[in-house]
Amino acid sequence: MKGGIKAVVWTDAVQMCILLVGLTALAVMGCVRAGGGEAVWRIAVDTGRINYDESVSFASCVAYARFIQLLSCVMFMGGDHGRGGRE
């Protein structure tokens, strides 16, 4: 790699590490202040943020995953991948 591209890649890698450490610290501190993971889960269920739907089955999850896979394939084919945008 050339010098400029190498610098950008390293900068992005360092930024991603900083973001992951910050996100992890935020999640841990939030759980500790709320009273632990069980308290966070109970609050989420009590306030309606987590709904248990017994009608969700494995087949519906597979169908949804296939739809997302198809959508991503269509989006990938729609771009100018492989040509580098030079045409």
N, C-alpha and C. Protein backbone atom coordinates (compact mmCIF):
# COMPACT_ATOMS: atom_id res chain seq x y z
N MET A 1 0.83 -1.19 0.00
CA MET A 1 0.00 0.00 0.00
C MET A 1 0.87 1.24 0.00
N LYS A 2 0.33 2.25 -0.57
CA LYS A 2 1.03 3.54 -0.58
C LYS A 2 0.92 4.17 0.81
N GLY A 3 1.75 5.16 1.06
CA GLY A 3 1.81 5.78 2.37
C GLY A 3 0.51 6.39 2.85
N GLY A 4 -0.19 7.12 1.95
CA GLY A 4 -1.43 7.78 2.35
C GLY A 4 -2.54 6.80 2.68
N ILE A 5 -2.67 5.76 1.87
CA ILE A 5 -3.70 4.76 2.11
C ILE A 5 -3.39 4.00 3.40
N LYS A 6 -2.13 3.69 3.60
CA LYS A 6 -1.73 2.97 4.81
C LYS A 6 -2.06 3.80 6.05
N ALA A 7 -1.84 5.10 5.99
CA ALA A 7 -2.15 5.97 7.12
C ALA A 7 -3.64 6.01 7.40
N VAL A 8 -4.44 6.04 6.35
CA VAL A 8 -5.90 6.06 6.51
C VAL A 8 -6.39 4.75 7.13
N VAL A 9 -5.84 3.63 6.67
CA VAL A 9 -6.24 2.34 7.20
C VAL A 9 -5.89 2.25 8.68
N TRP A 10 -4.70 2.66 9.07
CA TRP A 10 -4.30 2.63 10.46
C TRP A 10 -5.16 3.56 11.31
N THR A 11 -5.46 4.74 10.79
CA THR A 11 -6.30 5.68 11.52
C THR A 11 -7.69 5.10 11.75
N ASP A 12 -8.25 4.49 10.72
CA ASP A 12 -9.57 3.86 10.87
C ASP A 12 -9.54 2.72 11.87
N ALA A 13 -8.48 1.94 11.86
CA ALA A 13 -8.37 0.82 12.80
C ALA A 13 -8.30 1.32 14.24
N VAL A 14 -7.52 2.36 14.47
CA VAL A 14 -7.41 2.93 15.81
C VAL A 14 -8.75 3.52 16.25
N GLN A 15 -9.43 4.21 15.36
CA GLN A 15 -10.74 4.79 15.69
C GLN A 15 -11.75 3.69 16.04
N MET A 16 -11.72 2.58 15.31
CA MET A 16 -12.64 1.49 15.60
C MET A 16 -12.36 0.89 16.98
N CYS A 17 -11.09 0.75 17.32
CA CYS A 17 -10.75 0.24 18.65
C CYS A 17 -11.24 1.18 19.75
N ILE A 18 -11.07 2.47 19.54
CA ILE A 18 -11.54 3.46 20.52
C ILE A 18 -13.07 3.38 20.66
N LEU A 19 -13.77 3.26 19.54
CA LEU A 19 -15.23 3.16 19.59
C LEU A 19 -15.68 1.89 20.32
N LEU A 20 -15.04 0.77 20.05
CA LEU A 20 -15.43 -0.48 20.71
C LEU A 20 -15.17 -0.44 22.21
N VAL A 21 -14.04 0.13 22.60
CA VAL A 21 -13.75 0.26 24.03
C VAL A 21 -14.77 1.18 24.69
N GLY A 22 -15.08 2.29 24.06
CA GLY A 22 -16.06 3.22 24.61
C GLY A 22 -17.44 2.62 24.71
N LEU A 23 -17.86 1.88 23.69
CA LEU A 23 -19.18 1.25 23.71
C LEU A 23 -19.27 0.21 24.81
N THR A 24 -18.21 -0.58 24.96
CA THR A 24 -18.19 -1.59 26.01
C THR A 24 -18.24 -0.94 27.38
N ALA A 25 -17.45 0.12 27.58
CA ALA A 25 -17.45 0.82 28.86
C ALA A 25 -18.82 1.43 29.16
N LEU A 26 -19.46 1.98 28.15
CA LEU A 26 -20.78 2.57 28.33
C LEU A 26 -21.80 1.52 28.73
N ALA A 27 -21.77 0.36 28.07
CA ALA A 27 -22.71 -0.72 28.39
C ALA A 27 -22.48 -1.24 29.81
N VAL A 28 -21.24 -1.43 30.19
CA VAL A 28 -20.94 -1.94 31.53
C VAL A 28 -21.34 -0.91 32.60
N MET A 29 -20.98 0.35 32.39
CA MET A 29 -21.33 1.37 33.37
C MET A 29 -22.85 1.54 33.50
N GLY A 30 -23.55 1.45 32.37
CA GLY A 30 -25.01 1.55 32.41
C GLY A 30 -25.64 0.42 33.18
N CYS A 31 -25.14 -0.80 32.96
CA CYS A 31 -25.68 -1.95 33.70
C CYS A 31 -25.39 -1.84 35.19
N VAL A 32 -24.20 -1.39 35.54
CA VAL A 32 -23.84 -1.26 36.96
C VAL A 32 -24.71 -0.21 37.63
N ARG A 33 -24.91 0.93 36.98
CA ARG A 33 -25.73 1.99 37.58
C ARG A 33 -27.20 1.61 37.69
N ALA A 34 -27.68 0.75 36.78
CA ALA A 34 -29.08 0.35 36.81
C ALA A 34 -29.32 -0.77 37.82
N GLY A 35 -28.27 -1.39 38.32
CA GLY A 35 -28.45 -2.44 39.32
C GLY A 35 -28.13 -3.83 38.81
N GLY A 36 -27.47 -3.92 37.65
CA GLY A 36 -27.08 -5.22 37.12
C GLY A 36 -27.88 -5.59 35.88
N GLY A 37 -27.45 -6.67 35.25
CA GLY A 37 -28.09 -7.10 34.01
C GLY A 37 -29.54 -7.52 34.19
N GLU A 38 -29.83 -8.18 35.32
CA GLU A 38 -31.21 -8.60 35.57
C GLU A 38 -32.13 -7.39 35.72
N ALA A 39 -31.66 -6.35 36.37
CA ALA A 39 -32.46 -5.13 36.54
C ALA A 39 -32.70 -4.46 35.20
N VAL A 40 -31.69 -4.42 34.35
CA VAL A 40 -31.85 -3.82 33.03
C VAL A 40 -32.89 -4.60 32.24
N TRP A 41 -32.80 -5.93 32.28
CA TRP A 41 -33.76 -6.76 31.55
C TRP A 41 -35.18 -6.57 32.09
N ARG A 42 -35.33 -6.53 33.43
CA ARG A 42 -36.65 -6.35 34.04
C ARG A 42 -37.25 -5.00 33.66
N ILE A 43 -36.45 -3.94 33.70
CA ILE A 43 -36.93 -2.62 33.33
C ILE A 43 -37.37 -2.59 31.87
N ALA A 44 -36.59 -3.23 30.99
CA ALA A 44 -36.94 -3.26 29.57
C ALA A 44 -38.25 -4.00 29.34
N VAL A 45 -38.46 -5.11 30.06
CA VAL A 45 -39.71 -5.87 29.90
C VAL A 45 -40.88 -5.08 30.48
N ASP A 46 -40.69 -4.49 31.66
CA ASP A 46 -41.77 -3.75 32.32
C ASP A 46 -42.22 -2.53 31.54
N THR A 47 -41.31 -1.88 30.83
CA THR A 47 -41.67 -0.68 30.08
C THR A 47 -42.08 -0.99 28.64
N GLY A 48 -42.15 -2.27 28.29
CA GLY A 48 -42.64 -2.65 26.97
C GLY A 48 -41.61 -2.55 25.86
N ARG A 49 -40.34 -2.45 26.21
CA ARG A 49 -39.31 -2.36 25.17
C ARG A 49 -38.95 -3.73 24.60
N ILE A 50 -39.24 -4.79 25.36
CA ILE A 50 -39.02 -6.15 24.89
C ILE A 50 -40.36 -6.87 24.94
N ASN A 51 -40.80 -7.36 23.81
CA ASN A 51 -42.06 -8.08 23.73
C ASN A 51 -41.79 -9.52 23.33
N TYR A 52 -42.36 -10.43 24.08
CA TYR A 52 -42.23 -11.83 23.73
C TYR A 52 -43.38 -12.20 22.81
N ASP A 53 -43.06 -12.67 21.63
CA ASP A 53 -44.08 -13.08 20.68
C ASP A 53 -43.92 -14.58 20.44
N GLU A 54 -44.87 -15.35 20.95
CA GLU A 54 -44.78 -16.81 20.85
C GLU A 54 -44.99 -17.29 19.42
N SER A 55 -45.52 -16.43 18.55
CA SER A 55 -45.80 -16.87 17.18
C SER A 55 -44.55 -16.85 16.29
N VAL A 56 -43.45 -16.27 16.79
CA VAL A 56 -42.23 -16.23 16.00
C VAL A 56 -41.62 -17.63 15.98
N SER A 57 -41.37 -18.11 14.79
CA SER A 57 -40.82 -19.45 14.67
C SER A 57 -39.49 -19.39 13.92
N PHE A 58 -38.82 -20.51 13.88
CA PHE A 58 -37.55 -20.59 13.17
C PHE A 58 -37.76 -20.35 11.68
N ALA A 59 -38.86 -20.85 11.14
CA ALA A 59 -39.14 -20.69 9.71
C ALA A 59 -39.30 -19.22 9.34
N SER A 60 -39.96 -18.43 10.19
CA SER A 60 -40.12 -17.02 9.88
C SER A 60 -38.78 -16.29 9.96
N CYS A 61 -37.91 -16.71 10.86
CA CYS A 61 -36.57 -16.11 10.95
C CYS A 61 -35.76 -16.43 9.70
N VAL A 62 -35.88 -17.67 9.20
CA VAL A 62 -35.15 -18.07 8.00
C VAL A 62 -35.67 -17.28 6.80
N ALA A 63 -36.99 -17.10 6.71
CA ALA A 63 -37.57 -16.34 5.60
C ALA A 63 -37.08 -14.89 5.64
N TYR A 64 -37.01 -14.30 6.81
CA TYR A 64 -36.53 -12.93 6.94
C TYR A 64 -35.06 -12.85 6.54
N ALA A 65 -34.26 -13.83 6.96
CA ALA A 65 -32.84 -13.83 6.62
C ALA A 65 -32.65 -13.96 5.11
N ARG A 66 -33.46 -14.77 4.47
CA ARG A 66 -33.37 -14.92 3.02
C ARG A 66 -33.72 -13.62 2.31
N PHE A 67 -34.73 -12.90 2.83
CA PHE A 67 -35.11 -11.62 2.25
C PHE A 67 -33.96 -10.62 2.34
N ILE A 68 -33.31 -10.55 3.50
CA ILE A 68 -32.19 -9.65 3.69
C ILE A 68 -31.04 -10.03 2.77
N GLN A 69 -30.81 -11.34 2.62
CA GLN A 69 -29.75 -11.81 1.74
C GLN A 69 -30.04 -11.41 0.29
N LEU A 70 -31.27 -11.58 -0.14
CA LEU A 70 -31.66 -11.20 -1.50
C LEU A 70 -31.52 -9.70 -1.70
N LEU A 71 -31.95 -8.92 -0.73
CA LEU A 71 -31.86 -7.48 -0.82
C LEU A 71 -30.41 -7.01 -0.91
N SER A 72 -29.54 -7.60 -0.11
CA SER A 72 -28.13 -7.20 -0.16
C SER A 72 -27.48 -7.59 -1.48
N CYS A 73 -27.88 -8.74 -2.05
CA CYS A 73 -27.34 -9.13 -3.35
C CYS A 73 -27.78 -8.14 -4.44
N VAL A 74 -29.03 -7.73 -4.39
CA VAL A 74 -29.53 -6.77 -5.38
C VAL A 74 -28.80 -5.44 -5.24
N MET A 75 -28.58 -5.00 -4.01
CA MET A 75 -27.88 -3.74 -3.80
C MET A 75 -26.43 -3.83 -4.27
N PHE A 76 -25.79 -4.97 -4.03
CA PHE A 76 -24.40 -5.14 -4.45
C PHE A 76 -24.28 -5.14 -5.97
N MET A 77 -25.21 -5.79 -6.66
CA MET A 77 -25.16 -5.86 -8.12
C MET A 77 -25.49 -4.53 -8.76
N GLY A 78 -26.19 -3.67 -8.02
CA GLY A 78 -26.59 -2.38 -8.59
C GLY A 78 -25.46 -1.39 -8.68
N GLY A 79 -24.39 -1.60 -7.95
CA GLY A 79 -23.27 -0.67 -7.95
C GLY A 79 -22.30 -0.95 -9.07
N ASP A 80 -21.21 -0.24 -9.08
CA ASP A 80 -20.20 -0.43 -10.11
C ASP A 80 -18.99 -1.16 -9.52
N HIS A 81 -19.25 -2.17 -8.70
CA HIS A 81 -18.19 -2.91 -8.05
C HIS A 81 -17.34 -3.63 -9.08
N GLY A 82 -16.07 -3.59 -8.88
CA GLY A 82 -15.16 -4.27 -9.79
C GLY A 82 -14.62 -3.36 -10.88
N ARG A 83 -15.30 -2.28 -11.15
CA ARG A 83 -14.82 -1.36 -12.19
C ARG A 83 -14.11 -0.17 -11.59
N GLY A 84 -14.24 0.02 -10.29
CA GLY A 84 -13.56 1.13 -9.64
C GLY A 84 -14.17 2.47 -9.97
N GLY A 85 -15.35 2.50 -10.57
CA GLY A 85 -16.03 3.76 -10.88
C GLY A 85 -15.36 4.55 -11.98
N ARG A 86 -14.56 3.90 -12.78
CA ARG A 86 -13.82 4.62 -13.83
C ARG A 86 -14.54 4.62 -15.16
N GLU A 87 -15.64 3.93 -15.25
CA GLU A 87 -16.31 3.86 -16.55
C GLU A 87 -17.53 4.74 -16.58
